[in-house]
N, C-alpha and C. Protein backbone atom coordinates (compact mmCIF):
# COMPACT_ATOMS: atom_id res chain seq x y z
N MET A 1 0.85 -1.18 0.00
CA MET A 1 0.00 0.00 0.00
C MET A 1 0.89 1.25 0.00
N THR A 2 0.64 2.16 -0.91
CA THR A 2 1.46 3.37 -0.99
C THR A 2 0.68 4.57 -0.47
N ASP A 3 1.42 5.53 0.04
CA ASP A 3 0.80 6.76 0.52
C ASP A 3 0.39 7.63 -0.65
N THR A 4 -0.75 8.24 -0.53
CA THR A 4 -1.20 9.20 -1.53
C THR A 4 -0.59 10.56 -1.19
N PRO A 5 -0.59 11.50 -2.13
CA PRO A 5 -0.09 12.85 -1.79
C PRO A 5 -0.83 13.46 -0.60
N ALA A 6 -2.13 13.17 -0.48
CA ALA A 6 -2.90 13.69 0.65
C ALA A 6 -2.39 13.11 1.96
N ASP A 7 -2.05 11.82 1.98
CA ASP A 7 -1.51 11.18 3.19
C ASP A 7 -0.18 11.83 3.58
N THR A 8 0.66 12.06 2.57
CA THR A 8 1.97 12.66 2.81
C THR A 8 1.82 14.06 3.35
N GLU A 9 0.92 14.85 2.77
CA GLU A 9 0.70 16.23 3.24
C GLU A 9 0.12 16.23 4.65
N ASN A 10 -0.78 15.30 4.94
CA ASN A 10 -1.37 15.20 6.27
C ASN A 10 -0.28 14.87 7.30
N ALA A 11 0.60 13.94 6.97
CA ALA A 11 1.69 13.58 7.88
C ALA A 11 2.61 14.78 8.11
N ALA A 12 2.90 15.53 7.06
CA ALA A 12 3.75 16.71 7.19
C ALA A 12 3.09 17.77 8.07
N GLN A 13 1.79 17.93 7.91
CA GLN A 13 1.06 18.92 8.72
C GLN A 13 1.06 18.50 10.20
N ILE A 14 0.93 17.22 10.45
CA ILE A 14 0.96 16.71 11.83
C ILE A 14 2.34 16.98 12.45
N ARG A 15 3.41 16.75 11.68
CA ARG A 15 4.78 17.02 12.17
C ARG A 15 4.94 18.51 12.49
N ARG A 16 4.48 19.37 11.59
CA ARG A 16 4.60 20.82 11.82
C ARG A 16 3.81 21.23 13.06
N THR A 17 2.59 20.73 13.19
CA THR A 17 1.76 21.08 14.33
C THR A 17 2.41 20.64 15.64
N THR A 18 2.96 19.45 15.65
CA THR A 18 3.65 18.93 16.83
C THR A 18 4.83 19.82 17.18
N LEU A 19 5.58 20.22 16.16
CA LEU A 19 6.71 21.12 16.37
C LEU A 19 6.25 22.45 16.96
N TYR A 20 5.20 23.04 16.38
CA TYR A 20 4.71 24.34 16.84
C TYR A 20 4.19 24.27 18.27
N LEU A 21 3.49 23.19 18.61
CA LEU A 21 2.96 23.04 19.98
C LEU A 21 4.10 22.93 20.99
N THR A 22 5.16 22.23 20.61
CA THR A 22 6.31 22.08 21.50
C THR A 22 7.04 23.41 21.64
N LEU A 23 7.26 24.11 20.53
CA LEU A 23 7.93 25.40 20.56
C LEU A 23 7.16 26.40 21.42
N ALA A 24 5.84 26.37 21.34
CA ALA A 24 5.01 27.31 22.10
C ALA A 24 5.20 27.16 23.61
N GLN A 25 5.73 26.03 24.06
CA GLN A 25 5.92 25.78 25.49
C GLN A 25 7.23 26.34 26.04
N VAL A 26 8.16 26.72 25.15
CA VAL A 26 9.45 27.23 25.61
C VAL A 26 9.22 28.59 26.26
N PRO A 27 9.50 28.70 27.56
CA PRO A 27 9.18 29.95 28.27
C PRO A 27 10.15 31.09 27.94
N ALA A 28 9.68 32.30 28.17
CA ALA A 28 10.51 33.49 28.00
C ALA A 28 11.76 33.36 28.85
N GLY A 29 12.90 33.79 28.30
CA GLY A 29 14.15 33.74 29.04
C GLY A 29 14.85 32.40 28.97
N LYS A 30 14.27 31.44 28.23
CA LYS A 30 14.87 30.12 28.06
C LYS A 30 15.07 29.85 26.58
N VAL A 31 16.01 28.98 26.27
CA VAL A 31 16.30 28.63 24.88
C VAL A 31 16.45 27.11 24.74
N VAL A 32 16.29 26.64 23.50
CA VAL A 32 16.54 25.25 23.15
C VAL A 32 17.30 25.25 21.82
N THR A 33 17.96 24.15 21.53
CA THR A 33 18.60 24.03 20.22
C THR A 33 17.60 23.39 19.25
N TYR A 34 17.91 23.50 17.96
CA TYR A 34 17.06 22.87 16.95
C TYR A 34 16.92 21.37 17.23
N GLY A 35 18.04 20.74 17.59
CA GLY A 35 18.02 19.30 17.86
C GLY A 35 17.20 18.95 19.10
N GLN A 36 17.33 19.75 20.14
CA GLN A 36 16.55 19.51 21.36
C GLN A 36 15.06 19.66 21.07
N LEU A 37 14.71 20.69 20.31
CA LEU A 37 13.31 20.92 19.99
C LEU A 37 12.74 19.74 19.21
N ALA A 38 13.50 19.25 18.24
CA ALA A 38 13.06 18.09 17.45
C ALA A 38 12.83 16.89 18.36
N GLU A 39 13.77 16.65 19.26
CA GLU A 39 13.67 15.52 20.18
C GLU A 39 12.48 15.66 21.12
N MET A 40 12.29 16.87 21.69
CA MET A 40 11.17 17.10 22.59
C MET A 40 9.82 16.91 21.89
N ALA A 41 9.79 17.22 20.60
CA ALA A 41 8.55 17.09 19.83
C ALA A 41 8.34 15.66 19.33
N GLY A 42 9.27 14.78 19.66
CA GLY A 42 9.14 13.39 19.23
C GLY A 42 9.48 13.19 17.75
N LEU A 43 10.31 14.07 17.21
CA LEU A 43 10.64 14.01 15.79
C LEU A 43 12.03 13.45 15.54
N GLY A 44 12.65 12.91 16.58
CA GLY A 44 13.96 12.30 16.41
C GLY A 44 15.05 13.31 16.11
N ARG A 45 15.95 12.91 15.24
CA ARG A 45 17.11 13.75 14.92
C ARG A 45 16.80 14.60 13.68
N ALA A 46 15.91 15.53 13.85
CA ALA A 46 15.43 16.33 12.72
C ALA A 46 15.78 17.81 12.86
N ALA A 47 16.97 18.10 13.38
CA ALA A 47 17.36 19.49 13.64
C ALA A 47 17.29 20.34 12.38
N ARG A 48 17.79 19.83 11.27
CA ARG A 48 17.77 20.63 10.04
C ARG A 48 16.35 20.87 9.56
N TRP A 49 15.50 19.86 9.69
CA TRP A 49 14.09 20.03 9.29
C TRP A 49 13.44 21.11 10.16
N VAL A 50 13.74 21.09 11.47
CA VAL A 50 13.19 22.10 12.37
C VAL A 50 13.63 23.49 11.91
N GLY A 51 14.90 23.67 11.63
CA GLY A 51 15.40 24.96 11.18
C GLY A 51 14.73 25.42 9.90
N ARG A 52 14.60 24.52 8.95
CA ARG A 52 13.96 24.86 7.67
C ARG A 52 12.50 25.23 7.89
N THR A 53 11.81 24.47 8.73
CA THR A 53 10.39 24.72 9.00
C THR A 53 10.20 26.07 9.70
N LEU A 54 11.04 26.36 10.67
CA LEU A 54 10.92 27.64 11.38
C LEU A 54 11.25 28.82 10.46
N SER A 55 12.13 28.60 9.49
CA SER A 55 12.47 29.69 8.57
C SER A 55 11.30 30.05 7.66
N GLN A 56 10.31 29.18 7.59
CA GLN A 56 9.14 29.41 6.74
C GLN A 56 7.94 29.97 7.50
N LEU A 57 8.12 30.28 8.78
CA LEU A 57 7.02 30.85 9.56
C LEU A 57 6.66 32.22 9.00
N PRO A 58 5.38 32.58 9.06
CA PRO A 58 5.01 33.93 8.61
C PRO A 58 5.62 35.00 9.51
N ASN A 59 5.84 36.18 8.97
CA ASN A 59 6.47 37.28 9.72
C ASN A 59 5.71 37.65 10.98
N ASP A 60 4.40 37.47 10.97
CA ASP A 60 3.58 37.89 12.12
C ASP A 60 3.30 36.75 13.10
N THR A 61 4.08 35.67 13.02
CA THR A 61 3.86 34.53 13.91
C THR A 61 4.01 34.94 15.38
N LYS A 62 3.22 34.31 16.22
CA LYS A 62 3.31 34.53 17.67
C LYS A 62 4.22 33.48 18.32
N LEU A 63 4.69 32.51 17.55
CA LEU A 63 5.56 31.47 18.10
C LEU A 63 6.92 32.07 18.46
N PRO A 64 7.52 31.60 19.56
CA PRO A 64 8.80 32.16 20.01
C PRO A 64 10.00 31.56 19.27
N TRP A 65 10.04 31.73 17.95
CA TRP A 65 11.11 31.18 17.12
C TRP A 65 12.49 31.65 17.57
N HIS A 66 12.53 32.82 18.17
CA HIS A 66 13.81 33.41 18.57
C HIS A 66 14.48 32.64 19.71
N ARG A 67 13.75 31.75 20.35
CA ARG A 67 14.30 30.98 21.47
C ARG A 67 14.97 29.68 21.00
N VAL A 68 15.07 29.49 19.69
CA VAL A 68 15.67 28.27 19.15
C VAL A 68 17.04 28.63 18.54
N LEU A 69 18.06 27.87 18.96
CA LEU A 69 19.44 28.16 18.59
C LEU A 69 20.10 26.96 17.95
N GLY A 70 21.23 27.21 17.33
CA GLY A 70 22.04 26.13 16.79
C GLY A 70 22.74 25.38 17.91
N ALA A 71 23.43 24.33 17.52
CA ALA A 71 24.14 23.49 18.49
C ALA A 71 25.10 24.34 19.32
N GLY A 72 25.16 24.03 20.60
CA GLY A 72 26.08 24.72 21.50
C GLY A 72 25.65 26.14 21.84
N GLY A 73 24.41 26.50 21.49
CA GLY A 73 23.91 27.83 21.82
C GLY A 73 24.24 28.89 20.79
N ARG A 74 24.71 28.46 19.62
CA ARG A 74 25.08 29.40 18.56
C ARG A 74 23.85 29.98 17.89
N ILE A 75 23.85 31.29 17.68
CA ILE A 75 22.78 31.93 16.92
C ILE A 75 23.07 31.69 15.45
N SER A 76 22.15 31.04 14.76
CA SER A 76 22.38 30.62 13.38
C SER A 76 22.20 31.75 12.38
N LEU A 77 21.38 32.73 12.72
CA LEU A 77 21.10 33.81 11.78
C LEU A 77 22.28 34.77 11.73
N PRO A 78 22.62 35.25 10.55
CA PRO A 78 23.82 36.09 10.41
C PRO A 78 23.73 37.43 11.16
N VAL A 79 24.87 37.85 11.70
CA VAL A 79 24.98 39.17 12.30
C VAL A 79 24.72 40.18 11.20
N GLY A 80 23.91 41.19 11.51
CA GLY A 80 23.61 42.21 10.52
C GLY A 80 22.37 41.94 9.70
N SER A 81 21.84 40.70 9.76
CA SER A 81 20.58 40.41 9.05
C SER A 81 19.43 40.89 9.92
N SER A 82 18.33 41.29 9.30
CA SER A 82 17.21 41.81 10.09
C SER A 82 16.66 40.74 11.03
N SER A 83 16.56 39.50 10.57
CA SER A 83 16.03 38.44 11.45
C SER A 83 17.03 38.10 12.55
N GLY A 84 18.32 38.12 12.24
CA GLY A 84 19.34 37.87 13.27
C GLY A 84 19.35 38.95 14.32
N ASP A 85 19.25 40.21 13.87
CA ASP A 85 19.21 41.33 14.82
C ASP A 85 17.95 41.25 15.68
N GLU A 86 16.84 40.86 15.06
CA GLU A 86 15.59 40.73 15.82
C GLU A 86 15.71 39.63 16.86
N GLN A 87 16.31 38.50 16.48
CA GLN A 87 16.47 37.40 17.42
C GLN A 87 17.31 37.83 18.63
N ARG A 88 18.43 38.47 18.37
CA ARG A 88 19.30 38.93 19.46
C ARG A 88 18.56 39.92 20.37
N ALA A 89 17.83 40.86 19.77
CA ALA A 89 17.10 41.86 20.55
C ALA A 89 16.02 41.20 21.40
N ARG A 90 15.27 40.27 20.82
CA ARG A 90 14.21 39.59 21.57
C ARG A 90 14.79 38.80 22.74
N LEU A 91 15.88 38.09 22.49
CA LEU A 91 16.50 37.31 23.57
C LEU A 91 16.98 38.24 24.68
N ARG A 92 17.62 39.32 24.33
CA ARG A 92 18.11 40.27 25.35
C ARG A 92 16.95 40.87 26.14
N MET A 93 15.84 41.16 25.47
CA MET A 93 14.66 41.71 26.19
C MET A 93 14.12 40.71 27.20
N GLU A 94 14.35 39.43 26.97
CA GLU A 94 13.89 38.39 27.89
C GLU A 94 14.95 38.06 28.95
N GLY A 95 16.05 38.80 28.95
CA GLY A 95 17.07 38.57 29.96
C GLY A 95 18.11 37.54 29.59
N VAL A 96 18.12 37.12 28.34
CA VAL A 96 19.10 36.13 27.88
C VAL A 96 20.34 36.88 27.39
N SER A 97 21.50 36.54 27.95
CA SER A 97 22.72 37.22 27.52
C SER A 97 23.28 36.55 26.27
N VAL A 98 23.61 37.38 25.29
CA VAL A 98 24.20 36.92 24.03
C VAL A 98 25.61 37.48 23.98
N LEU A 99 26.60 36.60 23.90
CA LEU A 99 28.00 37.01 23.87
C LEU A 99 28.70 36.27 22.74
N ASN A 100 29.35 37.01 21.86
CA ASN A 100 30.04 36.41 20.71
C ASN A 100 29.10 35.51 19.89
N ASN A 101 27.88 35.99 19.72
CA ASN A 101 26.87 35.30 18.91
C ASN A 101 26.45 33.95 19.51
N ARG A 102 26.63 33.80 20.81
CA ARG A 102 26.25 32.57 21.50
C ARG A 102 25.47 32.88 22.77
N VAL A 103 24.69 31.88 23.17
CA VAL A 103 23.95 31.93 24.43
C VAL A 103 24.46 30.79 25.29
N ASP A 104 24.66 31.04 26.57
CA ASP A 104 25.10 30.01 27.51
C ASP A 104 23.94 29.04 27.76
N ILE A 105 24.01 27.87 27.14
CA ILE A 105 22.95 26.87 27.25
C ILE A 105 22.81 26.38 28.69
N GLN A 106 23.93 26.26 29.41
CA GLN A 106 23.86 25.80 30.81
C GLN A 106 23.02 26.77 31.64
N ARG A 107 23.15 28.04 31.36
CA ARG A 107 22.46 29.06 32.14
C ARG A 107 21.03 29.28 31.66
N HIS A 108 20.83 29.33 30.34
CA HIS A 108 19.53 29.72 29.78
C HIS A 108 18.76 28.57 29.13
N GLY A 109 19.35 27.39 29.11
CA GLY A 109 18.68 26.26 28.44
C GLY A 109 17.42 25.83 29.17
N TRP A 110 16.41 25.49 28.39
CA TRP A 110 15.14 25.04 28.96
C TRP A 110 15.18 23.55 29.17
N ARG A 111 14.86 23.13 30.37
CA ARG A 111 14.77 21.71 30.71
C ARG A 111 13.38 21.45 31.27
N PRO A 112 12.45 21.04 30.40
CA PRO A 112 11.10 20.79 30.91
C PRO A 112 11.13 19.68 31.94
N VAL A 113 10.30 19.83 32.94
CA VAL A 113 10.21 18.81 33.99
C VAL A 113 9.58 17.56 33.41
N GLU A 114 10.28 16.45 33.58
CA GLU A 114 9.72 15.18 33.09
C GLU A 114 9.06 14.47 34.25
N HIS A 115 7.84 14.03 33.99
CA HIS A 115 7.08 13.31 35.02
C HIS A 115 7.21 11.83 34.76
N SER A 116 7.48 11.09 35.81
CA SER A 116 7.58 9.64 35.63
C SER A 116 6.33 8.99 36.20
N GLY A 117 6.04 7.86 35.60
CA GLY A 117 5.04 7.11 36.20
C GLY A 117 3.74 6.91 35.77
């Protein structure tokens, strides 16, 4: 049995929705990496897909895209780009320190409480 284009699009929409719901939970003043966000959303090792998907968000999105960073806390957006400047400004407004285009993940990283049982 093969997937129809509608099945494929539905699966893609479910992945995006799951990603967006997970991203919406990242609190102000905290950050996650693309890889962590993918893992938290149950999408496995999909860091690049997460980055590509977030780059396609509409300009007026309410999702906290600025709280997602590259590996090791690196800001992926170029210095001097409008989106990169916006990301740095938003993070600083939330109390996140940005130094040498990086954020201290140990200090600002989000670790959602995991419930067992």
